[in-house]
Amino acid sequence: IERVAVLLRNNNGQDMLVAFVSFKQNNCNAETCRRWAQRQLPAFMVPSRFVILNHLPLTAGGKPDRASLRKTPLSLSADTSYREPPQTPLEQKLALIWQELLQLDTAGRHDDFFRYGGHSLLAGRLISRIRQNFNCSISLAAFFENATICELAELITRQQPEETDRTGQARV
């Protein structure tokens, strides 16, 4: 890491810690930063999002330019490394819901909801959307145990076995 600044930002009416990071070399990504932070910091201090920047904006005094960082879109926080795209129509619809709730440009099928800024209130909204869109009820506890798009799609499919086609994919 070359430079890092952490700010409190508002996302969907909720405050979250966002880390803005620039690297000396391009051999790191947001997930590497997150794992390091989880080993070093108490859980409540680990940023919800990591925004990777080519260069951290600096003030004339050489300190991070927090005013400029406050204007940086959070959509940049999605890790730019390869993310496996959703495979089934059900996963694709779940990904669209995630993108809207988490304000992401894309969502991969193995992305963890909580690693991209999700929290219990947003999880409640997600569960409500699942109930509306897929006519099935997922408990908050079940969601916490199945917090990726592919795991959640499997959970929904298991609850609606009569709604699957011969390939085992949910008809949505």
N, C-alpha and C. Protein backbone atom coordinates (compact mmCIF):
# COMPACT_ATOMS: atom_id res chain seq x y z
N ILE A 1 0.85 -1.18 0.00
CA ILE A 1 0.00 0.00 0.00
C ILE A 1 0.89 1.23 0.00
N GLU A 2 0.57 2.15 -0.90
CA GLU A 2 1.31 3.40 -0.96
C GLU A 2 0.69 4.41 0.01
N ARG A 3 -0.62 4.62 -0.11
CA ARG A 3 -1.34 5.55 0.77
C ARG A 3 -2.74 5.01 1.01
N VAL A 4 -3.29 5.41 2.16
CA VAL A 4 -4.66 5.03 2.49
C VAL A 4 -5.29 6.13 3.33
N ALA A 5 -6.58 6.34 3.12
CA ALA A 5 -7.35 7.26 3.94
C ALA A 5 -8.71 6.59 4.18
N VAL A 6 -9.20 6.70 5.39
CA VAL A 6 -10.49 6.10 5.74
C VAL A 6 -11.43 7.23 6.15
N LEU A 7 -12.61 7.24 5.54
CA LEU A 7 -13.61 8.26 5.82
C LEU A 7 -14.93 7.60 6.18
N LEU A 8 -15.71 8.32 6.96
CA LEU A 8 -17.08 7.91 7.24
C LEU A 8 -17.94 8.47 6.11
N ARG A 9 -18.63 7.59 5.38
CA ARG A 9 -19.49 8.02 4.26
C ARG A 9 -20.90 7.50 4.48
N ASN A 10 -21.85 8.17 3.88
CA ASN A 10 -23.24 7.76 3.97
C ASN A 10 -23.61 7.01 2.70
N ASN A 11 -24.24 5.84 2.85
CA ASN A 11 -24.68 5.03 1.73
C ASN A 11 -26.07 4.50 2.05
N ASN A 12 -27.05 4.86 1.24
CA ASN A 12 -28.43 4.42 1.48
C ASN A 12 -28.92 4.82 2.86
N GLY A 13 -28.51 5.99 3.34
CA GLY A 13 -28.95 6.45 4.64
C GLY A 13 -28.20 5.84 5.81
N GLN A 14 -27.19 5.04 5.55
CA GLN A 14 -26.41 4.39 6.60
C GLN A 14 -24.96 4.85 6.53
N ASP A 15 -24.39 5.14 7.68
CA ASP A 15 -22.98 5.50 7.72
C ASP A 15 -22.12 4.25 7.63
N MET A 16 -21.02 4.35 6.89
CA MET A 16 -20.08 3.24 6.77
C MET A 16 -18.67 3.78 6.63
N LEU A 17 -17.71 2.96 7.05
CA LEU A 17 -16.31 3.30 6.85
C LEU A 17 -15.90 2.88 5.45
N VAL A 18 -15.25 3.81 4.74
CA VAL A 18 -14.76 3.54 3.40
C VAL A 18 -13.27 3.82 3.38
N ALA A 19 -12.50 2.84 2.93
CA ALA A 19 -11.05 3.00 2.81
C ALA A 19 -10.71 3.33 1.36
N PHE A 20 -9.98 4.39 1.15
CA PHE A 20 -9.48 4.77 -0.18
C PHE A 20 -8.01 4.39 -0.20
N VAL A 21 -7.63 3.55 -1.15
CA VAL A 21 -6.29 2.96 -1.14
C VAL A 21 -5.61 3.14 -2.49
N SER A 22 -4.32 3.47 -2.45
CA SER A 22 -3.49 3.43 -3.66
C SER A 22 -2.31 2.51 -3.36
N PHE A 23 -1.87 1.79 -4.37
CA PHE A 23 -0.79 0.81 -4.21
C PHE A 23 0.48 1.27 -4.90
N LYS A 24 1.62 0.82 -4.37
CA LYS A 24 2.90 1.07 -5.03
C LYS A 24 2.98 0.26 -6.31
N GLN A 25 2.46 -0.97 -6.25
CA GLN A 25 2.42 -1.86 -7.40
C GLN A 25 1.00 -2.37 -7.55
N ASN A 26 0.65 -2.83 -8.72
CA ASN A 26 -0.71 -3.31 -8.96
C ASN A 26 -0.89 -4.79 -8.63
N ASN A 27 -0.23 -5.28 -7.61
CA ASN A 27 -0.35 -6.70 -7.28
C ASN A 27 -1.29 -6.95 -6.11
N CYS A 28 -2.05 -5.94 -5.71
CA CYS A 28 -3.00 -6.08 -4.61
C CYS A 28 -4.39 -5.70 -5.10
N ASN A 29 -5.38 -6.09 -4.32
CA ASN A 29 -6.75 -5.72 -4.65
C ASN A 29 -7.53 -5.46 -3.36
N ALA A 30 -8.79 -5.12 -3.50
CA ALA A 30 -9.61 -4.78 -2.34
C ALA A 30 -9.74 -5.95 -1.38
N GLU A 31 -9.85 -7.16 -1.91
CA GLU A 31 -10.02 -8.32 -1.04
C GLU A 31 -8.76 -8.57 -0.20
N THR A 32 -7.60 -8.37 -0.75
CA THR A 32 -6.34 -8.50 -0.01
C THR A 32 -6.32 -7.49 1.14
N CYS A 33 -6.72 -6.26 0.85
CA CYS A 33 -6.77 -5.22 1.89
C CYS A 33 -7.76 -5.60 2.98
N ARG A 34 -8.92 -6.11 2.59
CA ARG A 34 -9.95 -6.48 3.56
C ARG A 34 -9.45 -7.59 4.49
N ARG A 35 -8.82 -8.61 3.91
CA ARG A 35 -8.32 -9.72 4.74
C ARG A 35 -7.25 -9.22 5.71
N TRP A 36 -6.37 -8.34 5.25
CA TRP A 36 -5.34 -7.80 6.13
C TRP A 36 -6.01 -7.01 7.27
N ALA A 37 -6.96 -6.15 6.92
CA ALA A 37 -7.63 -5.33 7.94
C ALA A 37 -8.37 -6.21 8.95
N GLN A 38 -8.98 -7.30 8.49
CA GLN A 38 -9.70 -8.19 9.40
C GLN A 38 -8.76 -8.87 10.39
N ARG A 39 -7.52 -9.09 9.99
CA ARG A 39 -6.54 -9.70 10.91
C ARG A 39 -5.99 -8.68 11.90
N GLN A 40 -5.98 -7.39 11.53
CA GLN A 40 -5.33 -6.36 12.33
C GLN A 40 -6.28 -5.56 13.22
N LEU A 41 -7.55 -5.48 12.83
CA LEU A 41 -8.48 -4.55 13.48
C LEU A 41 -9.68 -5.28 14.07
N PRO A 42 -10.30 -4.69 15.10
CA PRO A 42 -11.58 -5.23 15.56
C PRO A 42 -12.61 -5.11 14.44
N ALA A 43 -13.59 -5.99 14.41
CA ALA A 43 -14.57 -6.05 13.31
C ALA A 43 -15.23 -4.71 13.04
N PHE A 44 -15.56 -3.95 14.10
CA PHE A 44 -16.27 -2.69 13.89
C PHE A 44 -15.39 -1.62 13.23
N MET A 45 -14.08 -1.85 13.18
CA MET A 45 -13.17 -0.88 12.57
C MET A 45 -12.78 -1.25 11.13
N VAL A 46 -13.18 -2.42 10.67
CA VAL A 46 -12.85 -2.84 9.31
C VAL A 46 -13.78 -2.09 8.35
N PRO A 47 -13.22 -1.37 7.38
CA PRO A 47 -14.07 -0.63 6.44
C PRO A 47 -15.03 -1.55 5.70
N SER A 48 -16.21 -1.03 5.42
CA SER A 48 -17.21 -1.78 4.66
C SER A 48 -16.84 -1.85 3.19
N ARG A 49 -16.21 -0.81 2.70
CA ARG A 49 -15.80 -0.77 1.29
C ARG A 49 -14.36 -0.32 1.18
N PHE A 50 -13.72 -0.82 0.13
CA PHE A 50 -12.37 -0.43 -0.21
C PHE A 50 -12.40 0.12 -1.63
N VAL A 51 -12.07 1.39 -1.78
CA VAL A 51 -12.03 2.02 -3.10
C VAL A 51 -10.58 2.07 -3.53
N ILE A 52 -10.29 1.41 -4.65
CA ILE A 52 -8.92 1.37 -5.16
C ILE A 52 -8.74 2.53 -6.14
N LEU A 53 -7.76 3.36 -5.87
CA LEU A 53 -7.46 4.52 -6.70
C LEU A 53 -6.04 4.42 -7.24
N ASN A 54 -5.81 4.94 -8.44
CA ASN A 54 -4.45 4.97 -8.98
C ASN A 54 -3.56 5.86 -8.13
N HIS A 55 -4.11 7.01 -7.73
CA HIS A 55 -3.37 7.95 -6.89
C HIS A 55 -4.35 8.56 -5.89
N LEU A 56 -3.97 8.57 -4.65
CA LEU A 56 -4.79 9.19 -3.62
C LEU A 56 -4.62 10.71 -3.75
N PRO A 57 -5.71 11.47 -3.86
CA PRO A 57 -5.56 12.93 -3.98
C PRO A 57 -4.98 13.50 -2.69
N LEU A 58 -4.06 14.43 -2.85
CA LEU A 58 -3.38 15.03 -1.70
C LEU A 58 -3.58 16.54 -1.68
N THR A 59 -3.53 17.09 -0.48
CA THR A 59 -3.57 18.55 -0.32
C THR A 59 -2.19 19.10 -0.62
N ALA A 60 -2.08 20.41 -0.64
CA ALA A 60 -0.77 21.05 -0.87
C ALA A 60 0.22 20.65 0.21
N GLY A 61 -0.27 20.31 1.41
CA GLY A 61 0.59 19.90 2.51
C GLY A 61 0.97 18.42 2.47
N GLY A 62 0.50 17.69 1.45
CA GLY A 62 0.87 16.28 1.31
C GLY A 62 -0.03 15.31 2.08
N LYS A 63 -1.13 15.82 2.64
CA LYS A 63 -2.05 14.94 3.36
C LYS A 63 -3.19 14.53 2.44
N PRO A 64 -3.88 13.43 2.75
CA PRO A 64 -5.02 13.03 1.91
C PRO A 64 -6.05 14.15 1.81
N ASP A 65 -6.51 14.41 0.60
CA ASP A 65 -7.50 15.45 0.34
C ASP A 65 -8.89 14.88 0.62
N ARG A 66 -9.34 15.02 1.85
CA ARG A 66 -10.61 14.42 2.28
C ARG A 66 -11.81 15.02 1.55
N ALA A 67 -11.74 16.29 1.22
CA ALA A 67 -12.85 16.92 0.49
C ALA A 67 -13.00 16.26 -0.89
N SER A 68 -11.91 16.00 -1.54
CA SER A 68 -11.95 15.33 -2.85
C SER A 68 -12.43 13.89 -2.70
N LEU A 69 -11.98 13.22 -1.66
CA LEU A 69 -12.39 11.83 -1.43
C LEU A 69 -13.88 11.72 -1.12
N ARG A 70 -14.45 12.72 -0.46
CA ARG A 70 -15.89 12.70 -0.16
C ARG A 70 -16.72 12.72 -1.44
N LYS A 71 -16.15 13.25 -2.52
CA LYS A 71 -16.86 13.33 -3.81
C LYS A 71 -16.62 12.10 -4.68
N THR A 72 -15.70 11.24 -4.29
CA THR A 72 -15.38 10.05 -5.09
C THR A 72 -16.56 9.08 -5.03
N PRO A 73 -17.05 8.63 -6.20
CA PRO A 73 -18.19 7.70 -6.21
C PRO A 73 -17.85 6.38 -5.53
N LEU A 74 -18.78 5.87 -4.74
CA LEU A 74 -18.57 4.60 -4.06
C LEU A 74 -18.65 3.43 -5.03
N SER A 75 -19.19 3.64 -6.22
CA SER A 75 -19.25 2.56 -7.19
C SER A 75 -17.86 2.09 -7.57
N LEU A 76 -16.85 2.92 -7.34
CA LEU A 76 -15.48 2.51 -7.60
C LEU A 76 -15.00 1.48 -6.59
N SER A 77 -15.77 1.27 -5.54
CA SER A 77 -15.32 0.39 -4.48
C SER A 77 -15.38 -1.07 -4.84
N ALA A 78 -16.12 -1.44 -5.87
CA ALA A 78 -16.15 -2.84 -6.26
C ALA A 78 -14.77 -3.23 -6.74
N ASP A 79 -14.27 -4.33 -6.25
CA ASP A 79 -12.96 -4.82 -6.63
C ASP A 79 -12.90 -5.02 -8.13
N THR A 80 -11.83 -4.57 -8.75
CA THR A 80 -11.72 -4.67 -10.20
C THR A 80 -11.15 -6.01 -10.66
N SER A 81 -10.80 -6.90 -9.75
CA SER A 81 -10.33 -8.21 -10.17
C SER A 81 -11.51 -9.02 -10.72
N TYR A 82 -11.22 -10.13 -11.36
CA TYR A 82 -12.27 -10.92 -12.00
C TYR A 82 -13.32 -11.38 -11.00
N ARG A 83 -14.56 -11.23 -11.39
CA ARG A 83 -15.69 -11.68 -10.58
C ARG A 83 -16.53 -12.57 -11.47
N GLU A 84 -16.80 -13.79 -11.03
CA GLU A 84 -17.58 -14.71 -11.84
C GLU A 84 -19.00 -14.18 -11.95
N PRO A 85 -19.48 -13.98 -13.18
CA PRO A 85 -20.82 -13.43 -13.34
C PRO A 85 -21.90 -14.43 -12.94
N PRO A 86 -23.09 -13.93 -12.63
CA PRO A 86 -24.21 -14.81 -12.31
C PRO A 86 -24.46 -15.77 -13.48
N GLN A 87 -24.80 -17.04 -13.15
CA GLN A 87 -24.93 -18.07 -14.17
C GLN A 87 -26.36 -18.34 -14.60
N THR A 88 -27.30 -18.27 -13.70
CA THR A 88 -28.69 -18.63 -14.00
C THR A 88 -29.56 -17.38 -14.01
N PRO A 89 -30.76 -17.48 -14.56
CA PRO A 89 -31.67 -16.33 -14.51
C PRO A 89 -31.96 -15.89 -13.07
N LEU A 90 -32.08 -16.84 -12.16
CA LEU A 90 -32.31 -16.51 -10.76
C LEU A 90 -31.13 -15.71 -10.20
N GLU A 91 -29.91 -16.17 -10.44
CA GLU A 91 -28.73 -15.45 -9.97
C GLU A 91 -28.65 -14.06 -10.60
N GLN A 92 -29.02 -13.94 -11.86
CA GLN A 92 -28.98 -12.65 -12.54
C GLN A 92 -29.96 -11.67 -11.90
N LYS A 93 -31.15 -12.15 -11.55
CA LYS A 93 -32.14 -11.27 -10.90
C LYS A 93 -31.67 -10.89 -9.50
N LEU A 94 -31.09 -11.84 -8.77
CA LEU A 94 -30.55 -11.52 -7.45
C LEU A 94 -29.43 -10.48 -7.56
N ALA A 95 -28.58 -10.63 -8.57
CA ALA A 95 -27.47 -9.69 -8.77
C ALA A 95 -27.99 -8.27 -9.01
N LEU A 96 -29.07 -8.15 -9.77
CA LEU A 96 -29.65 -6.83 -10.01
C LEU A 96 -30.15 -6.20 -8.71
N ILE A 97 -30.76 -7.02 -7.86
CA ILE A 97 -31.24 -6.50 -6.57
C ILE A 97 -30.06 -6.05 -5.72
N TRP A 98 -28.98 -6.87 -5.69
CA TRP A 98 -27.78 -6.51 -4.92
C TRP A 98 -27.18 -5.21 -5.44
N GLN A 99 -27.07 -5.08 -6.75
CA GLN A 99 -26.47 -3.89 -7.33
C GLN A 99 -27.25 -2.65 -6.92
N GLU A 100 -28.56 -2.76 -6.90
CA GLU A 100 -29.37 -1.61 -6.50
C GLU A 100 -29.19 -1.30 -5.01
N LEU A 101 -29.29 -2.31 -4.16
CA LEU A 101 -29.19 -2.08 -2.71
C LEU A 101 -27.80 -1.64 -2.28
N LEU A 102 -26.76 -2.24 -2.88
CA LEU A 102 -25.39 -1.95 -2.46
C LEU A 102 -24.74 -0.86 -3.32
N GLN A 103 -25.47 -0.35 -4.30
CA GLN A 103 -24.96 0.67 -5.21
C GLN A 103 -23.66 0.23 -5.87
N LEU A 104 -23.71 -0.94 -6.52
CA LEU A 104 -22.57 -1.49 -7.23
C LEU A 104 -22.85 -1.49 -8.73
N ASP A 105 -21.79 -1.42 -9.52
CA ASP A 105 -21.96 -1.51 -10.96
C ASP A 105 -22.18 -2.96 -11.39
N THR A 106 -21.54 -3.89 -10.71
CA THR A 106 -21.68 -5.31 -11.01
C THR A 106 -21.68 -6.09 -9.71
N ALA A 107 -22.18 -7.31 -9.78
CA ALA A 107 -22.16 -8.21 -8.62
C ALA A 107 -21.82 -9.60 -9.14
N GLY A 108 -20.80 -10.23 -8.57
CA GLY A 108 -20.40 -11.57 -8.95
C GLY A 108 -21.14 -12.60 -8.12
N ARG A 109 -21.23 -13.81 -8.66
CA ARG A 109 -22.03 -14.85 -8.01
C ARG A 109 -21.42 -15.31 -6.68
N HIS A 110 -20.13 -15.09 -6.45
CA HIS A 110 -19.48 -15.50 -5.20
C HIS A 110 -19.20 -14.32 -4.27
N ASP A 111 -19.67 -13.14 -4.64
CA ASP A 111 -19.47 -11.95 -3.80
C ASP A 111 -20.27 -12.09 -2.52
N ASP A 112 -19.64 -11.76 -1.41
CA ASP A 112 -20.31 -11.80 -0.12
C ASP A 112 -21.02 -10.46 0.10
N PHE A 113 -22.29 -10.52 0.41
CA PHE A 113 -23.13 -9.34 0.61
C PHE A 113 -22.51 -8.37 1.60
N PHE A 114 -21.96 -8.89 2.68
CA PHE A 114 -21.45 -8.04 3.76
C PHE A 114 -20.09 -7.45 3.42
N ARG A 115 -19.38 -8.01 2.49
CA ARG A 115 -18.08 -7.46 2.11
C ARG A 115 -18.20 -6.27 1.18
N TYR A 116 -19.39 -6.05 0.65
CA TYR A 116 -19.60 -4.93 -0.26
C TYR A 116 -20.50 -3.86 0.36
N GLY A 117 -20.50 -3.79 1.68
CA GLY A 117 -21.23 -2.73 2.36
C GLY A 117 -22.58 -3.14 2.90
N GLY A 118 -22.96 -4.41 2.74
CA GLY A 118 -24.23 -4.88 3.28
C GLY A 118 -24.20 -4.92 4.80
N HIS A 119 -25.35 -4.74 5.40
CA HIS A 119 -25.49 -4.81 6.85
C HIS A 119 -26.89 -5.33 7.13
N SER A 120 -27.23 -5.49 8.40
CA SER A 120 -28.48 -6.15 8.75
C SER A 120 -29.72 -5.42 8.22
N LEU A 121 -29.70 -4.09 8.19
CA LEU A 121 -30.86 -3.36 7.66
C LEU A 121 -31.03 -3.59 6.17
N LEU A 122 -29.92 -3.56 5.43
CA LEU A 122 -30.00 -3.84 3.99
C LEU A 122 -30.36 -5.31 3.75
N ALA A 123 -29.89 -6.19 4.63
CA ALA A 123 -30.26 -7.61 4.51
C ALA A 123 -31.76 -7.76 4.65
N GLY A 124 -32.37 -7.02 5.56
CA GLY A 124 -33.82 -7.04 5.72
C GLY A 124 -34.53 -6.57 4.46
N ARG A 125 -33.99 -5.53 3.82
CA ARG A 125 -34.57 -5.04 2.55
C ARG A 125 -34.42 -6.10 1.46
N LEU A 126 -33.27 -6.76 1.44
CA LEU A 126 -33.04 -7.81 0.45
C LEU A 126 -34.03 -8.95 0.63
N ILE A 127 -34.23 -9.37 1.86
CA ILE A 127 -35.16 -10.46 2.16
C ILE A 127 -36.58 -10.06 1.74
N SER A 128 -36.94 -8.81 1.96
CA SER A 128 -38.26 -8.32 1.54
C SER A 128 -38.39 -8.37 0.02
N ARG A 129 -37.34 -7.97 -0.69
CA ARG A 129 -37.36 -8.02 -2.16
C ARG A 129 -37.45 -9.46 -2.66
N ILE A 130 -36.78 -10.37 -1.97
CA ILE A 130 -36.85 -11.79 -2.35
C ILE A 130 -38.28 -12.28 -2.18
N ARG A 131 -38.90 -11.90 -1.09
CA ARG A 131 -40.29 -12.30 -0.84
C ARG A 131 -41.20 -11.77 -1.95
N GLN A 132 -41.00 -10.52 -2.34
CA GLN A 132 -41.83 -9.90 -3.38
C GLN A 132 -41.58 -10.51 -4.76
N ASN A 133 -40.31 -10.71 -5.10
CA ASN A 133 -39.96 -11.14 -6.45
C ASN A 133 -40.03 -12.65 -6.68
N PHE A 134 -39.78 -13.42 -5.63
CA PHE A 134 -39.68 -14.87 -5.81
C PHE A 134 -40.71 -15.64 -4.99
N ASN A 135 -41.57 -14.91 -4.29
CA ASN A 135 -42.63 -15.53 -3.49
C ASN A 135 -42.10 -16.63 -2.58
N CYS A 136 -41.02 -16.33 -1.88
CA CYS A 136 -40.49 -17.27 -0.90
C CYS A 136 -39.95 -16.49 0.29
N SER A 137 -39.96 -17.14 1.44
CA SER A 137 -39.56 -16.49 2.67
C SER A 137 -38.21 -17.03 3.13
N ILE A 138 -37.25 -16.13 3.30
CA ILE A 138 -35.91 -16.47 3.78
C ILE A 138 -35.74 -15.80 5.14
N SER A 139 -35.30 -16.54 6.13
CA SER A 139 -35.05 -15.92 7.43
C SER A 139 -33.73 -15.15 7.39
N LEU A 140 -33.61 -14.18 8.28
CA LEU A 140 -32.37 -13.42 8.38
C LEU A 140 -31.21 -14.34 8.72
N ALA A 141 -31.43 -15.30 9.62
CA ALA A 141 -30.38 -16.25 9.99
C ALA A 141 -29.93 -17.07 8.79
N ALA A 142 -30.89 -17.51 7.98
CA ALA A 142 -30.55 -18.30 6.78
C ALA A 142 -29.76 -17.44 5.80
N PHE A 143 -30.13 -16.17 5.69
CA PHE A 143 -29.38 -15.29 4.79
C PHE A 143 -27.95 -15.10 5.28
N PHE A 144 -27.76 -14.91 6.58
CA PHE A 144 -26.41 -14.73 7.12
C PHE A 144 -25.53 -15.94 6.81
N GLU A 145 -26.13 -17.12 6.74
CA GLU A 145 -25.37 -18.34 6.44
C GLU A 145 -25.22 -18.56 4.93
N ASN A 146 -25.95 -17.83 4.11
CA ASN A 146 -25.92 -17.98 2.66
C ASN A 146 -25.81 -16.59 2.03
N ALA A 147 -24.71 -15.91 2.27
CA ALA A 147 -24.60 -14.49 1.94
C ALA A 147 -23.98 -14.21 0.57
N THR A 148 -23.88 -15.22 -0.30
CA THR A 148 -23.45 -14.97 -1.66
C THR A 148 -24.63 -15.20 -2.60
N ILE A 149 -24.53 -14.67 -3.79
CA ILE A 149 -25.63 -14.81 -4.75
C ILE A 149 -25.88 -16.27 -5.07
N CYS A 150 -24.82 -17.05 -5.31
CA CYS A 150 -25.04 -18.46 -5.68
C CYS A 150 -25.62 -19.26 -4.52
N GLU A 151 -25.18 -19.00 -3.29
CA GLU A 151 -25.74 -19.71 -2.13
C GLU A 151 -27.20 -19.34 -1.92
N LEU A 152 -27.51 -18.08 -2.08
CA LEU A 152 -28.88 -17.62 -1.90
C LEU A 152 -29.79 -18.19 -2.98
N ALA A 153 -29.29 -18.26 -4.21
CA ALA A 153 -30.07 -18.85 -5.30
C ALA A 153 -30.37 -20.32 -5.01
N GLU A 154 -29.39 -21.05 -4.48
CA GLU A 154 -29.61 -22.46 -4.12
C GLU A 154 -30.67 -22.57 -3.01
N LEU A 155 -30.60 -21.67 -2.04
CA LEU A 155 -31.58 -21.67 -0.95
C LEU A 155 -32.99 -21.42 -1.48
N ILE A 156 -33.13 -20.47 -2.36
CA ILE A 156 -34.43 -20.16 -2.95
C ILE A 156 -34.92 -21.36 -3.77
N THR A 157 -34.04 -21.95 -4.56
CA THR A 157 -34.41 -23.10 -5.38
C THR A 157 -34.86 -24.27 -4.52
N ARG A 158 -34.19 -24.51 -3.39
CA ARG A 158 -34.59 -25.60 -2.49
C ARG A 158 -35.97 -25.35 -1.89
N GLN A 159 -36.31 -24.09 -1.68
CA GLN A 159 -37.62 -23.77 -1.11
C GLN A 159 -38.73 -23.86 -2.15
N GLN A 160 -38.35 -23.83 -3.43
CA GLN A 160 -39.35 -23.87 -4.50
C GLN A 160 -39.02 -24.99 -5.49
N PRO A 161 -38.94 -26.24 -5.05
CA PRO A 161 -38.54 -27.32 -5.95
C PRO A 161 -39.47 -27.49 -7.15
N GLU A 162 -40.75 -27.17 -6.99
CA GLU A 162 -41.68 -27.32 -8.11
C GLU A 162 -41.49 -26.24 -9.16
N GLU A 163 -40.74 -25.22 -8.84
CA GLU A 163 -40.52 -24.12 -9.76
C GLU A 163 -39.21 -24.26 -10.53
N THR A 164 -38.57 -25.43 -10.51
CA THR A 164 -37.31 -25.61 -11.22
C THR A 164 -37.53 -26.40 -12.49
N ASP A 165 -36.71 -26.16 -13.47
CA ASP A 165 -36.82 -26.93 -14.71
C ASP A 165 -35.95 -28.17 -14.62
N ARG A 166 -35.82 -28.90 -15.70
CA ARG A 166 -35.10 -30.18 -15.67
C ARG A 166 -33.60 -30.03 -15.42
N THR A 167 -33.04 -28.84 -15.65
CA THR A 167 -31.61 -28.63 -15.39
C THR A 167 -31.37 -28.23 -13.96
N GLY A 168 -32.43 -28.07 -13.17
CA GLY A 168 -32.28 -27.68 -11.77
C GLY A 168 -32.20 -26.19 -11.57
N GLN A 169 -32.39 -25.41 -12.65
CA GLN A 169 -32.34 -23.96 -12.53
C GLN A 169 -33.74 -23.43 -12.25
N ALA A 170 -33.81 -22.47 -11.38
CA ALA A 170 -35.12 -21.90 -11.03
C ALA A 170 -35.69 -21.15 -12.24
N ARG A 171 -36.97 -21.35 -12.47
CA ARG A 171 -37.66 -20.57 -13.51
C ARG A 171 -38.13 -19.28 -12.87
N VAL A 172 -37.61 -18.21 -13.36
CA VAL A 172 -37.91 -16.91 -12.77
C VAL A 172 -38.63 -16.03 -13.77
